[in-house]
């Protein structure tokens, strides 16, 4: 759809801007708008060109052509940094609406009920391996025409994927503060201390947060929202966690802890039957740390039938888990009404 031309009309009488699709009267192209948005979001022409898979001189020339066509400078060129002018900031909002509208129209046209449906779902590493497999299995049984493509990534990258239209839905921990996203809390779960069976803390029924200060932690990497939450929790108890191992996967964290090489704090949903031989989980005494998981989607993008089917399945599955295994998952809406102390198992 790169040949689509758009006419920008300024209404002096009404004092607003509007955009009309036009096939011949104006040379403004959809691709130019995509380039403009990329520069605005990256604040750099080189990075914008890399995102759009074009050369930097080509992208720069298209931006210049767009500015000439509309009669406004959109960027202050400050060295390598591109900063939006007032006109650029005004046009950015409209440009995003145009691109979202075109993408929605394309998807809506292709979302034929007769054809195979395909959605892209993202999830953070501490959710994907424990929540997505049973969901995908159930979706396959109930909606055989639905194809689910999964992307496991960190929260910031998943948010960017939703905003860029690369993902239909994403499952991530809160908080998420992005006005363009719909955030639906799905579940709330405690964060548990995890130690090896031979670790001294495994024989202690009551463990306080301050007792963790002298132990080595095995955590996920710096990009992990869970790691940031653990660091904040420790900071609230006046110590910095002594991190000896930074891992890419929960399985690696568990293996190190099981060998007695460190301790960790993990969401209760990461607990599995395979852990019984090597790991011990303990609730921390005092104020129990917890996290809330939500499903994200773009508020301005068309929600396909496939995305709706996945969401219905997700809500149903969480409700069943909350009913059948109340100690494993807590429904977010129910848990929010019952904030109380947690007993140590």
C-alpha atoms as a PDB file:
ATOM      1  CA  UNK A   1       0.000   0.000   0.000  1.00  0.00           C
ATOM      2  CA  UNK A   2       3.034   2.268  -0.441  1.00  0.00           C
ATOM      3  CA  UNK A   3       1.484   3.952  -3.489  1.00  0.00           C
ATOM      4  CA  UNK A   4      -1.399   5.386  -1.488  1.00  0.00           C
ATOM      5  CA  UNK A   5      -1.420   9.171  -1.663  1.00  0.00           C
ATOM      6  CA  UNK A   6      -2.850  11.387   1.044  1.00  0.00           C
ATOM      7  CA  UNK A   7      -3.944  15.000   0.959  1.00  0.00           C
ATOM      8  CA  UNK A   8      -3.426  17.130   4.049  1.00  0.00           C
ATOM      9  CA  UNK A   9      -6.083  19.831   4.446  1.00  0.00           C
ATOM     10  CA  UNK A  10      -5.864  22.690   6.915  1.00  0.00           C
ATOM     11  CA  UNK A  11      -9.240  24.159   7.854  1.00  0.00           C
ATOM     12  CA  UNK A  12      -8.829  27.775   8.916  1.00  0.00           C
ATOM     13  CA  UNK A  13     -12.512  28.228   9.652  1.00  0.00           C
ATOM     14  CA  UNK A  14     -12.681  25.314  12.098  1.00  0.00           C
ATOM     15  CA  UNK A  15      -9.142  25.660  13.371  1.00  0.00           C
ATOM     16  CA  UNK A  16      -8.293  21.975  13.065  1.00  0.00           C
ATOM     17  CA  UNK A  17      -6.434  19.537  10.811  1.00  0.00           C
ATOM     18  CA  UNK A  18      -7.907  16.697   8.868  1.00  0.00           C
ATOM     19  CA  UNK A  19      -6.623  14.163   6.357  1.00  0.00           C
ATOM     20  CA  UNK A  20      -8.389  13.007   3.240  1.00  0.00           C
ATOM     21  CA  UNK A  21      -7.357  10.012   1.206  1.00  0.00           C
ATOM     22  CA  UNK A  22      -6.706  11.069  -2.366  1.00  0.00           C
ATOM     23  CA  UNK A  23      -5.360   9.120  -5.293  1.00  0.00           C
ATOM     24  CA  UNK A  24      -4.048  11.934  -7.490  1.00  0.00           C
ATOM     25  CA  UNK A  25      -4.077  15.403  -5.982  1.00  0.00           C
ATOM     26  CA  UNK A  26      -1.135  15.183  -3.592  1.00  0.00           C
ATOM     27  CA  UNK A  27       2.222  13.368  -3.716  1.00  0.00           C
ATOM     28  CA  UNK A  28       2.279  12.613   0.038  1.00  0.00           C
ATOM     29  CA  UNK A  29       2.804   8.856   0.342  1.00  0.00           C
ATOM     30  CA  UNK A  30       2.041   6.459   3.162  1.00  0.00           C
ATOM     31  CA  UNK A  31       5.687   5.403   3.290  1.00  0.00           C
ATOM     32  CA  UNK A  32       6.730   8.997   3.983  1.00  0.00           C
ATOM     33  CA  UNK A  33       4.427   9.023   6.996  1.00  0.00           C
ATOM     34  CA  UNK A  34       5.965   5.773   8.245  1.00  0.00           C
ATOM     35  CA  UNK A  35       9.435   7.319   7.901  1.00  0.00           C
ATOM     36  CA  UNK A  36       8.308  10.437   9.756  1.00  0.00           C
ATOM     37  CA  UNK A  37       6.907   8.412  12.678  1.00  0.00           C
ATOM     38  CA  UNK A  38      10.091   6.315  12.845  1.00  0.00           C
ATOM     39  CA  UNK A  39      12.282   9.433  13.099  1.00  0.00           C
ATOM     40  CA  UNK A  40       9.954  10.961  15.705  1.00  0.00           C
ATOM     41  CA  UNK A  41      10.077   7.811  17.870  1.00  0.00           C
ATOM     42  CA  UNK A  42      13.816   7.118  17.561  1.00  0.00           C
ATOM     43  CA  UNK A  43      14.873  10.798  17.493  1.00  0.00           C
ATOM     44  CA  UNK A  44      17.582   9.753  15.073  1.00  0.00           C
ATOM     45  CA  UNK A  45      17.609   9.492  11.271  1.00  0.00           C
ATOM     46  CA  UNK A  46      20.084   6.602  11.178  1.00  0.00           C
ATOM     47  CA  UNK A  47      18.137   4.449  13.648  1.00  0.00           C
ATOM     48  CA  UNK A  48      14.893   5.307  11.869  1.00  0.00           C
ATOM     49  CA  UNK A  49      16.388   4.177   8.561  1.00  0.00           C
ATOM     50  CA  UNK A  50      17.478   0.890  10.159  1.00  0.00           C
ATOM     51  CA  UNK A  51      13.973   0.322  11.531  1.00  0.00           C
ATOM     52  CA  UNK A  52      12.431   0.995   8.105  1.00  0.00           C
ATOM     53  CA  UNK A  53      15.082  -1.045   6.234  1.00  0.00           C
ATOM     54  CA  UNK A  54      16.085   1.830   3.944  1.00  0.00           C
ATOM     55  CA  UNK A  55      19.246   3.872   3.556  1.00  0.00           C
ATOM     56  CA  UNK A  56      19.596   6.963   5.696  1.00  0.00           C
ATOM     57  CA  UNK A  57      19.971   9.371   2.732  1.00  0.00           C
ATOM     58  CA  UNK A  58      16.806   7.966   1.132  1.00  0.00           C
ATOM     59  CA  UNK A  59      14.819   8.365   4.340  1.00  0.00           C
ATOM     60  CA  UNK A  60      16.149  11.898   4.909  1.00  0.00           C
ATOM     61  CA  UNK A  61      15.152  12.925   1.398  1.00  0.00           C
ATOM     62  CA  UNK A  62      11.637  11.591   1.883  1.00  0.00           C
ATOM     63  CA  UNK A  63      11.299  13.587   5.110  1.00  0.00           C
ATOM     64  CA  UNK A  64      12.479  16.709   3.288  1.00  0.00           C
ATOM     65  CA  UNK A  65       9.935  16.059   0.521  1.00  0.00           C
ATOM     66  CA  UNK A  66       7.185  15.650   3.119  1.00  0.00           C
ATOM     67  CA  UNK A  67       8.145  18.897   4.846  1.00  0.00           C
ATOM     68  CA  UNK A  68       8.135  20.760   1.537  1.00  0.00           C
ATOM     69  CA  UNK A  69       4.756  19.332   0.581  1.00  0.00           C
ATOM     70  CA  UNK A  70       3.121  20.353   3.852  1.00  0.00           C
ATOM     71  CA  UNK A  71       4.995  23.617   4.220  1.00  0.00           C
ATOM     72  CA  UNK A  72       6.370  22.958   7.726  1.00  0.00           C
ATOM     73  CA  UNK A  73       9.638  21.874   9.272  1.00  0.00           C
ATOM     74  CA  UNK A  74       8.978  18.821  11.428  1.00  0.00           C
ATOM     75  CA  UNK A  75      12.376  18.376  13.097  1.00  0.00           C
ATOM     76  CA  UNK A  76      15.103  20.420  14.706  1.00  0.00           C
ATOM     77  CA  UNK A  77      18.354  18.814  13.540  1.00  0.00           C
ATOM     78  CA  UNK A  78      20.541  18.996  16.670  1.00  0.00           C
ATOM     79  CA  UNK A  79      23.675  17.094  15.753  1.00  0.00           C
ATOM     80  CA  UNK A  80      22.662  13.442  15.585  1.00  0.00           C
ATOM     81  CA  UNK A  81      19.428  14.085  17.423  1.00  0.00           C
ATOM     82  CA  UNK A  82      16.144  14.907  15.687  1.00  0.00           C
ATOM     83  CA  UNK A  83      13.711  16.801  17.936  1.00  0.00           C
ATOM     84  CA  UNK A  84      10.118  17.470  16.920  1.00  0.00           C
ATOM     85  CA  UNK A  85       9.092  21.030  16.187  1.00  0.00           C
ATOM     86  CA  UNK A  86       5.650  22.227  17.281  1.00  0.00           C
ATOM     87  CA  UNK A  87       4.331  21.401  13.800  1.00  0.00           C
ATOM     88  CA  UNK A  88       5.988  17.990  13.962  1.00  0.00           C
ATOM     89  CA  UNK A  89       4.404  17.178  17.318  1.00  0.00           C
ATOM     90  CA  UNK A  90       0.982  18.129  15.937  1.00  0.00           C
ATOM     91  CA  UNK A  91       1.452  16.027  12.818  1.00  0.00           C
ATOM     92  CA  UNK A  92       2.751  13.019  14.795  1.00  0.00           C
ATOM     93  CA  UNK A  93      -0.597  12.421  16.476  1.00  0.00           C
ATOM     94  CA  UNK A  94      -2.410  12.473  13.130  1.00  0.00           C
ATOM     95  CA  UNK A  95       0.271  10.387  11.428  1.00  0.00           C
ATOM     96  CA  UNK A  96      -0.121   7.615  14.005  1.00  0.00           C
ATOM     97  CA  UNK A  97      -3.884   7.653  13.494  1.00  0.00           C
ATOM     98  CA  UNK A  98      -3.426   7.353   9.729  1.00  0.00           C
ATOM     99  CA  UNK A  99      -1.054   4.388  10.032  1.00  0.00           C
ATOM    100  CA  UNK A 100      -3.242   2.677  12.627  1.00  0.00           C
ATOM    101  CA  UNK A 101      -6.289   3.174  10.403  1.00  0.00           C
ATOM    102  CA  UNK A 102      -4.550   1.726   7.350  1.00  0.00           C
ATOM    103  CA  UNK A 103      -3.230  -1.248   9.348  1.00  0.00           C
ATOM    104  CA  UNK A 104      -6.657  -1.874  10.844  1.00  0.00           C
ATOM    105  CA  UNK A 105      -8.329  -1.725   7.427  1.00  0.00           C
ATOM    106  CA  UNK A 106      -5.796  -4.173   6.018  1.00  0.00           C
ATOM    107  CA  UNK A 107      -6.267  -6.612   8.880  1.00  0.00           C
ATOM    108  CA  UNK A 108     -10.032  -6.293   8.865  1.00  0.00           C
ATOM    109  CA  UNK A 109     -10.141  -7.102   5.173  1.00  0.00           C
ATOM    110  CA  UNK A 110      -7.902 -10.122   5.646  1.00  0.00           C
ATOM    111  CA  UNK A 111      -9.703 -11.370   8.760  1.00  0.00           C
ATOM    112  CA  UNK A 112     -12.043 -13.552   6.776  1.00  0.00           C
ATOM    113  CA  UNK A 113     -13.820 -16.135   8.893  1.00  0.00           C
ATOM    114  CA  UNK A 114     -13.309 -18.753   6.201  1.00  0.00           C
ATOM    115  CA  UNK A 115      -9.540 -18.282   6.169  1.00  0.00           C
ATOM    116  CA  UNK A 116      -7.042 -19.454   8.749  1.00  0.00           C
ATOM    117  CA  UNK A 117      -6.652 -16.895  11.532  1.00  0.00           C
ATOM    118  CA  UNK A 118      -3.246 -15.948  12.866  1.00  0.00           C
ATOM    119  CA  UNK A 119      -2.308 -13.830  15.899  1.00  0.00           C
ATOM    120  CA  UNK A 120       0.964 -12.807  17.519  1.00  0.00           C
ATOM    121  CA  UNK A 121       1.087 -13.089  21.311  1.00  0.00           C
ATOM    122  CA  UNK A 122       3.966 -11.953  23.490  1.00  0.00           C
ATOM    123  CA  UNK A 123       4.801 -12.862  27.081  1.00  0.00           C
ATOM    124  CA  UNK A 124       7.583 -12.154  29.548  1.00  0.00           C
ATOM    125  CA  UNK A 125       9.942 -15.068  30.401  1.00  0.00           C
ATOM    126  CA  UNK A 126       8.376 -15.633  33.836  1.00  0.00           C
ATOM    127  CA  UNK A 127       4.921 -16.070  32.292  1.00  0.00           C
ATOM    128  CA  UNK A 128       5.438 -17.635  28.856  1.00  0.00           C
ATOM    129  CA  UNK A 129       6.555 -21.189  29.808  1.00  0.00           C
ATOM    130  CA  UNK A 130       3.948 -21.613  32.549  1.00  0.00           C
ATOM    131  CA  UNK A 131       0.846 -19.939  31.166  1.00  0.00           C
ATOM    132  CA  UNK A 132       1.035 -20.066  27.370  1.00  0.00           C
ATOM    133  CA  UNK A 133       1.396 -23.833  26.688  1.00  0.00           C
ATOM    134  CA  UNK A 134      -1.942 -24.830  28.307  1.00  0.00           C
ATOM    135  CA  UNK A 135      -3.647 -21.832  26.710  1.00  0.00           C
ATOM    136  CA  UNK A 136      -2.364 -22.678  23.252  1.00  0.00           C
ATOM    137  CA  UNK A 137      -3.388 -26.307  23.720  1.00  0.00           C
ATOM    138  CA  UNK A 138      -6.918 -25.281  24.678  1.00  0.00           C
ATOM    139  CA  UNK A 139      -7.160 -22.814  21.801  1.00  0.00           C
ATOM    140  CA  UNK A 140      -6.065 -25.535  19.402  1.00  0.00           C
ATOM    141  CA  UNK A 141      -8.865 -27.785  20.664  1.00  0.00           C
ATOM    142  CA  UNK A 142     -11.578 -25.105  20.608  1.00  0.00           C
ATOM    143  CA  UNK A 143     -10.433 -23.057  17.594  1.00  0.00           C
ATOM    144  CA  UNK A 144      -8.553 -25.337  15.176  1.00  0.00           C
ATOM    145  CA  UNK A 145      -8.332 -22.567  12.547  1.00  0.00           C
ATOM    146  CA  UNK A 146      -6.512 -20.234  14.951  1.00  0.00           C
ATOM    147  CA  UNK A 147      -2.721 -20.077  14.655  1.00  0.00           C
ATOM    148  CA  UNK A 148      -0.874 -18.516  17.598  1.00  0.00           C
ATOM    149  CA  UNK A 149       2.661 -17.254  17.104  1.00  0.00           C
ATOM    150  CA  UNK A 150       4.524 -16.657  20.369  1.00  0.00           C
ATOM    151  CA  UNK A 151       7.250 -14.152  21.211  1.00  0.00           C
ATOM    152  CA  UNK A 152       8.974 -14.436  24.587  1.00  0.00           C
ATOM    153  CA  UNK A 153      10.645 -11.164  25.509  1.00  0.00           C
ATOM    154  CA  UNK A 154      11.116  -8.585  28.229  1.00  0.00           C
ATOM    155  CA  UNK A 155       8.366  -6.143  29.161  1.00  0.00           C
ATOM    156  CA  UNK A 156       9.774  -3.055  27.449  1.00  0.00           C
ATOM    157  CA  UNK A 157      10.242  -4.935  24.167  1.00  0.00           C
ATOM    158  CA  UNK A 158       6.724  -6.377  24.326  1.00  0.00           C
ATOM    159  CA  UNK A 159       5.248  -2.913  24.899  1.00  0.00           C
ATOM    160  CA  UNK A 160       7.155  -1.645  21.876  1.00  0.00           C
ATOM    161  CA  UNK A 161       5.880  -4.644  19.889  1.00  0.00           C
ATOM    162  CA  UNK A 162       2.283  -3.746  20.719  1.00  0.00           C
ATOM    163  CA  UNK A 163       2.801  -0.072  19.863  1.00  0.00           C
ATOM    164  CA  UNK A 164       4.501  -0.939  16.565  1.00  0.00           C
ATOM    165  CA  UNK A 165       1.749  -3.372  15.568  1.00  0.00           C
ATOM    166  CA  UNK A 166       4.041  -6.409  15.658  1.00  0.00           C
ATOM    167  CA  UNK A 167       2.004  -8.060  18.447  1.00  0.00           C
ATOM    168  CA  UNK A 168      -1.743  -8.416  18.896  1.00  0.00           C
ATOM    169  CA  UNK A 169      -1.576  -9.130  22.634  1.00  0.00           C
ATOM    170  CA  UNK A 170       1.079  -9.300  25.337  1.00  0.00           C
ATOM    171  CA  UNK A 171       1.114 -10.828  28.809  1.00  0.00           C
ATOM    172  CA  UNK A 172       3.344  -8.909  31.169  1.00  0.00           C
ATOM    173  CA  UNK A 173       3.675  -7.799  34.764  1.00  0.00           C
ATOM    174  CA  UNK A 174       2.467  -4.430  36.008  1.00  0.00           C
ATOM    175  CA  UNK A 175       2.916  -1.534  36.232  1.00  0.00           C
ATOM    176  CA  UNK A 176       2.507  -0.471  32.607  1.00  0.00           C
ATOM    177  CA  UNK A 177       2.015   3.230  32.018  1.00  0.00           C
ATOM    178  CA  UNK A 178       1.371   3.745  28.320  1.00  0.00           C
ATOM    179  CA  UNK A 179      -1.720   5.749  27.285  1.00  0.00           C
ATOM    180  CA  UNK A 180      -2.024   3.967  23.928  1.00  0.00           C
ATOM    181  CA  UNK A 181      -2.440   0.557  25.560  1.00  0.00           C
ATOM    182  CA  UNK A 182      -5.438  -1.180  27.081  1.00  0.00           C
ATOM    183  CA  UNK A 183      -4.298  -2.890  30.296  1.00  0.00           C
ATOM    184  CA  UNK A 184      -6.509  -5.697  31.632  1.00  0.00           C
ATOM    185  CA  UNK A 185      -5.312  -7.258  34.932  1.00  0.00           C
ATOM    186  CA  UNK A 186      -5.642 -11.037  34.740  1.00  0.00           C
ATOM    187  CA  UNK A 187      -4.111 -12.483  37.884  1.00  0.00           C
ATOM    188  CA  UNK A 188      -2.153 -11.688  41.010  1.00  0.00           C
ATOM    189  CA  UNK A 189       0.367 -14.028  42.625  1.00  0.00           C
ATOM    190  CA  UNK A 190       2.852 -13.934  45.513  1.00  0.00           C
ATOM    191  CA  UNK A 191       6.610 -13.857  45.062  1.00  0.00           C
ATOM    192  CA  UNK A 192       8.247 -16.704  46.991  1.00  0.00           C
ATOM    193  CA  UNK A 193      11.699 -17.259  48.392  1.00  0.00           C
ATOM    194  CA  UNK A 194      13.357 -20.234  46.651  1.00  0.00           C
ATOM    195  CA  UNK A 195      16.261 -22.142  48.221  1.00  0.00           C
ATOM    196  CA  UNK A 196      17.912 -25.514  47.759  1.00  0.00           C
ATOM    197  CA  UNK A 197      16.778 -28.392  49.981  1.00  0.00           C
ATOM    198  CA  UNK A 198      20.118 -28.406  51.801  1.00  0.00           C
ATOM    199  CA  UNK A 199      20.205 -24.635  52.296  1.00  0.00           C
ATOM    200  CA  UNK A 200      20.004 -23.431  55.926  1.00  0.00           C
ATOM    201  CA  UNK A 201      16.948 -21.292  55.132  1.00  0.00           C
ATOM    202  CA  UNK A 202      15.100 -24.426  53.975  1.00  0.00           C
ATOM    203  CA  UNK A 203      14.870 -25.523  57.615  1.00  0.00           C
ATOM    204  CA  UNK A 204      13.481 -22.179  58.786  1.00  0.00           C
ATOM    205  CA  UNK A 205       9.702 -21.802  58.847  1.00  0.00           C
ATOM    206  CA  UNK A 206       9.774 -18.018  59.281  1.00  0.00           C
ATOM    207  CA  UNK A 207      12.153 -16.081  57.007  1.00  0.00           C
ATOM    208  CA  UNK A 208      12.342 -12.297  57.067  1.00  0.00           C
ATOM    209  CA  UNK A 209      13.485 -10.147  54.178  1.00  0.00           C
ATOM    210  CA  UNK A 210      16.516  -8.872  56.103  1.00  0.00           C
ATOM    211  CA  UNK A 211      17.788 -12.444  56.566  1.00  0.00           C
ATOM    212  CA  UNK A 212      18.378 -12.544  52.787  1.00  0.00           C
ATOM    213  CA  UNK A 213      20.963  -9.764  52.849  1.00  0.00           C
ATOM    214  CA  UNK A 214      23.913 -12.096  53.541  1.00  0.00           C
ATOM    215  CA  UNK A 215      23.074 -14.596  50.793  1.00  0.00           C
ATOM    216  CA  UNK A 216      23.995 -14.702  47.114  1.00  0.00           C
ATOM    217  CA  UNK A 217      21.126 -14.262  44.671  1.00  0.00           C
ATOM    218  CA  UNK A 218      20.540 -15.930  41.321  1.00  0.00           C
ATOM    219  CA  UNK A 219      18.298 -13.638  39.247  1.00  0.00           C
ATOM    220  CA  UNK A 220      17.326 -12.907  35.688  1.00  0.00           C
ATOM    221  CA  UNK A 221      19.174 -10.214  33.741  1.00  0.00           C
ATOM    222  CA  UNK A 222      18.922  -6.442  34.059  1.00  0.00           C
ATOM    223  CA  UNK A 223      16.138  -6.221  31.462  1.00  0.00           C
ATOM    224  CA  UNK A 224      13.820  -8.387  33.561  1.00  0.00           C
ATOM    225  CA  UNK A 225      10.911  -6.620  35.271  1.00  0.00           C
ATOM    226  CA  UNK A 226      11.034  -9.333  37.962  1.00  0.00           C
ATOM    227  CA  UNK A 227      14.660  -8.507  38.749  1.00  0.00           C
ATOM    228  CA  UNK A 228      13.787  -4.823  39.092  1.00  0.00           C
ATOM    229  CA  UNK A 229      10.917  -5.682  41.432  1.00  0.00           C
ATOM    230  CA  UNK A 230      13.176  -7.858  43.607  1.00  0.00           C
ATOM    231  CA  UNK A 231      15.767  -5.100  43.802  1.00  0.00           C
ATOM    232  CA  UNK A 232      13.078  -2.611  44.869  1.00  0.00           C
ATOM    233  CA  UNK A 233      11.786  -5.072  47.477  1.00  0.00           C
ATOM    234  CA  UNK A 234      15.261  -5.516  48.940  1.00  0.00           C
ATOM    235  CA  UNK A 235      15.809  -1.757  48.869  1.00  0.00           C
ATOM    236  CA  UNK A 236      12.617  -1.280  50.862  1.00  0.00           C
ATOM    237  CA  UNK A 237      14.258  -3.476  53.533  1.00  0.00           C
ATOM    238  CA  UNK A 238      17.490  -1.454  53.509  1.00  0.00           C
ATOM    239  CA  UNK A 239      19.823  -3.750  51.615  1.00  0.00           C
ATOM    240  CA  UNK A 240      21.060  -4.305  48.090  1.00  0.00           C
ATOM    241  CA  UNK A 241      20.796  -7.914  46.874  1.00  0.00           C
ATOM    242  CA  UNK A 242      24.179  -9.549  46.365  1.00  0.00           C
ATOM    243  CA  UNK A 243      23.728 -10.878  42.838  1.00  0.00           C
ATOM    244  CA  UNK A 244      26.153 -13.638  41.957  1.00  0.00           C
ATOM    245  CA  UNK A 245      24.341 -15.021  38.909  1.00  0.00           C
ATOM    246  CA  UNK A 246      22.401 -13.234  36.175  1.00  0.00           C
ATOM    247  CA  UNK A 247      20.507 -15.725  34.055  1.00  0.00           C
ATOM    248  CA  UNK A 248      18.525 -15.628  30.828  1.00  0.00           C
ATOM    249  CA  UNK A 249      16.031 -18.324  31.838  1.00  0.00           C
ATOM    250  CA  UNK A 250      14.112 -19.349  34.944  1.00  0.00           C
ATOM    251  CA  UNK A 251      15.373 -22.922  34.456  1.00  0.00           C
ATOM    252  CA  UNK A 252      18.961 -21.732  34.953  1.00  0.00           C
ATOM    253  CA  UNK A 253      17.987 -19.848  38.120  1.00  0.00           C
ATOM    254  CA  UNK A 254      16.342 -22.981  39.506  1.00  0.00           C
ATOM    255  CA  UNK A 255      19.338 -25.168  38.631  1.00  0.00           C
ATOM    256  CA  UNK A 256      21.774 -22.866  40.429  1.00  0.00           C
ATOM    257  CA  UNK A 257      19.527 -22.576  43.478  1.00  0.00           C
ATOM    258  CA  UNK A 258      18.954 -26.340  43.549  1.00  0.00           C
ATOM    259  CA  UNK A 259      22.719 -26.892  43.742  1.00  0.00           C
ATOM    260  CA  UNK A 260      22.932 -24.577  46.730  1.00  0.00           C
ATOM    261  CA  UNK A 261      24.890 -21.905  44.848  1.00  0.00           C
ATOM    262  CA  UNK A 262      22.438 -19.131  45.652  1.00  0.00           C
ATOM    263  CA  UNK A 263      18.879 -18.171  46.554  1.00  0.00           C
ATOM    264  CA  UNK A 264      16.191 -16.469  44.525  1.00  0.00           C
ATOM    265  CA  UNK A 265      12.691 -14.997  44.590  1.00  0.00           C
ATOM    266  CA  UNK A 266      10.240 -16.280  41.996  1.00  0.00           C
ATOM    267  CA  UNK A 267       6.537 -15.894  41.205  1.00  0.00           C
ATOM    268  CA  UNK A 268       4.448 -18.735  42.608  1.00  0.00           C
ATOM    269  CA  UNK A 269       3.291 -19.624  39.095  1.00  0.00           C
ATOM    270  CA  UNK A 270       6.863 -20.659  38.247  1.00  0.00           C
ATOM    271  CA  UNK A 271       6.650 -23.476  40.786  1.00  0.00           C
ATOM    272  CA  UNK A 272       6.330 -26.947  39.260  1.00  0.00           C
ATOM    273  CA  UNK A 273       6.156 -30.563  40.402  1.00  0.00           C
ATOM    274  CA  UNK A 274       9.653 -31.128  39.015  1.00  0.00           C
ATOM    275  CA  UNK A 275      11.029 -28.778  41.690  1.00  0.00           C
ATOM    276  CA  UNK A 276      10.063 -31.006  44.624  1.00  0.00           C
ATOM    277  CA  UNK A 277      13.300 -32.966  44.642  1.00  0.00           C
ATOM    278  CA  UNK A 278      15.684 -30.014  44.788  1.00  0.00           C
ATOM    279  CA  UNK A 279      13.892 -26.777  45.730  1.00  0.00           C
ATOM    280  CA  UNK A 280      11.993 -25.425  48.718  1.00  0.00           C
ATOM    281  CA  UNK A 281       9.582 -22.498  48.413  1.00  0.00           C
ATOM    282  CA  UNK A 282       8.887 -20.229  51.359  1.00  0.00           C
ATOM    283  CA  UNK A 283       6.627 -17.220  51.867  1.00  0.00           C
ATOM    284  CA  UNK A 284       8.501 -14.352  53.454  1.00  0.00           C
ATOM    285  CA  UNK A 285       7.152 -13.139  56.772  1.00  0.00           C
ATOM    286  CA  UNK A 286       5.759  -9.651  57.063  1.00  0.00           C
ATOM    287  CA  UNK A 287       4.440  -7.858  54.009  1.00  0.00           C
ATOM    288  CA  UNK A 288       4.324 -10.451  51.233  1.00  0.00           C
ATOM    289  CA  UNK A 289       5.787  -9.323  47.887  1.00  0.00           C
ATOM    290  CA  UNK A 290       3.516 -10.045  44.931  1.00  0.00           C
ATOM    291  CA  UNK A 291       3.090  -9.214  41.293  1.00  0.00           C
ATOM    292  CA  UNK A 292       0.129  -8.625  39.022  1.00  0.00           C
ATOM    293  CA  UNK A 293      -0.005  -9.895  35.448  1.00  0.00           C
ATOM    294  CA  UNK A 294      -2.047  -8.166  32.759  1.00  0.00           C
ATOM    295  CA  UNK A 295      -2.846  -8.605  29.088  1.00  0.00           C
ATOM    296  CA  UNK A 296      -2.026  -5.626  26.876  1.00  0.00           C
ATOM    297  CA  UNK A 297      -3.449  -4.543  23.540  1.00  0.00           C
ATOM    298  CA  UNK A 298      -3.434  -1.358  21.493  1.00  0.00           C
ATOM    299  CA  UNK A 299      -6.546   0.733  22.116  1.00  0.00           C
ATOM    300  CA  UNK A 300      -6.666   2.062  18.538  1.00  0.00           C
ATOM    301  CA  UNK A 301      -6.030  -1.144  16.634  1.00  0.00           C
ATOM    302  CA  UNK A 302      -8.594  -3.514  15.245  1.00  0.00           C
ATOM    303  CA  UNK A 303      -9.000  -6.612  17.426  1.00  0.00           C
ATOM    304  CA  UNK A 304      -9.279  -9.667  15.219  1.00  0.00           C
ATOM    305  CA  UNK A 305     -11.547 -12.632  15.849  1.00  0.00           C
ATOM    306  CA  UNK A 306      -8.483 -14.662  16.688  1.00  0.00           C
ATOM    307  CA  UNK A 307      -7.434 -12.183  19.384  1.00  0.00           C
ATOM    308  CA  UNK A 308     -10.956 -12.221  20.815  1.00  0.00           C
ATOM    309  CA  UNK A 309     -10.935 -16.032  20.901  1.00  0.00           C
ATOM    310  CA  UNK A 310      -7.570 -16.069  22.684  1.00  0.00           C
ATOM    311  CA  UNK A 311      -8.768 -13.512  25.247  1.00  0.00           C
ATOM    312  CA  UNK A 312     -11.925 -15.493  25.993  1.00  0.00           C
ATOM    313  CA  UNK A 313      -9.858 -18.631  26.486  1.00  0.00           C
ATOM    314  CA  UNK A 314      -7.381 -16.796  28.724  1.00  0.00           C
ATOM    315  CA  UNK A 315     -10.107 -15.388  30.981  1.00  0.00           C
ATOM    316  CA  UNK A 316     -11.820 -18.751  31.240  1.00  0.00           C
ATOM    317  CA  UNK A 317      -8.568 -20.576  32.007  1.00  0.00           C
ATOM    318  CA  UNK A 318      -7.571 -18.119  34.750  1.00  0.00           C
ATOM    319  CA  UNK A 319     -11.027 -18.380  36.338  1.00  0.00           C
ATOM    320  CA  UNK A 320     -10.748 -22.182  36.389  1.00  0.00           C
ATOM    321  CA  UNK A 321      -7.259 -22.122  37.877  1.00  0.00           C
ATOM    322  CA  UNK A 322      -8.409 -19.683  40.527  1.00  0.00           C
ATOM    323  CA  UNK A 323     -11.299 -21.989  41.428  1.00  0.00           C
ATOM    324  CA  UNK A 324      -9.496 -25.327  41.253  1.00  0.00           C
ATOM    325  CA  UNK A 325      -6.093 -24.278  42.612  1.00  0.00           C
ATOM    326  CA  UNK A 326      -6.670 -21.160  44.716  1.00  0.00           C
ATOM    327  CA  UNK A 327      -3.235 -21.374  46.312  1.00  0.00           C
ATOM    328  CA  UNK A 328      -1.487 -21.283  42.938  1.00  0.00           C
ATOM    329  CA  UNK A 329      -3.158 -18.394  41.128  1.00  0.00           C
ATOM    330  CA  UNK A 330      -5.241 -15.563  42.532  1.00  0.00           C
ATOM    331  CA  UNK A 331      -7.709 -13.816  40.292  1.00  0.00           C
ATOM    332  CA  UNK A 332      -6.727 -10.148  40.193  1.00  0.00           C
ATOM    333  CA  UNK A 333     -10.199  -8.748  40.751  1.00  0.00           C
ATOM    334  CA  UNK A 334     -10.837 -11.040  43.735  1.00  0.00           C
ATOM    335  CA  UNK A 335      -7.421 -10.508  45.268  1.00  0.00           C
ATOM    336  CA  UNK A 336      -7.748  -6.736  45.062  1.00  0.00           C
ATOM    337  CA  UNK A 337     -10.758  -6.906  47.394  1.00  0.00           C
ATOM    338  CA  UNK A 338      -9.012  -9.021  50.020  1.00  0.00           C
ATOM    339  CA  UNK A 339      -5.700  -7.413  50.912  1.00  0.00           C
ATOM    340  CA  UNK A 340      -4.542  -9.191  54.056  1.00  0.00           C
ATOM    341  CA  UNK A 341      -1.533 -10.934  55.554  1.00  0.00           C
ATOM    342  CA  UNK A 342      -0.201 -14.143  54.035  1.00  0.00           C
ATOM    343  CA  UNK A 343       0.608 -17.124  56.207  1.00  0.00           C
ATOM    344  CA  UNK A 344       3.848 -18.989  55.772  1.00  0.00           C
ATOM    345  CA  UNK A 345       3.358 -22.526  54.447  1.00  0.00           C
END
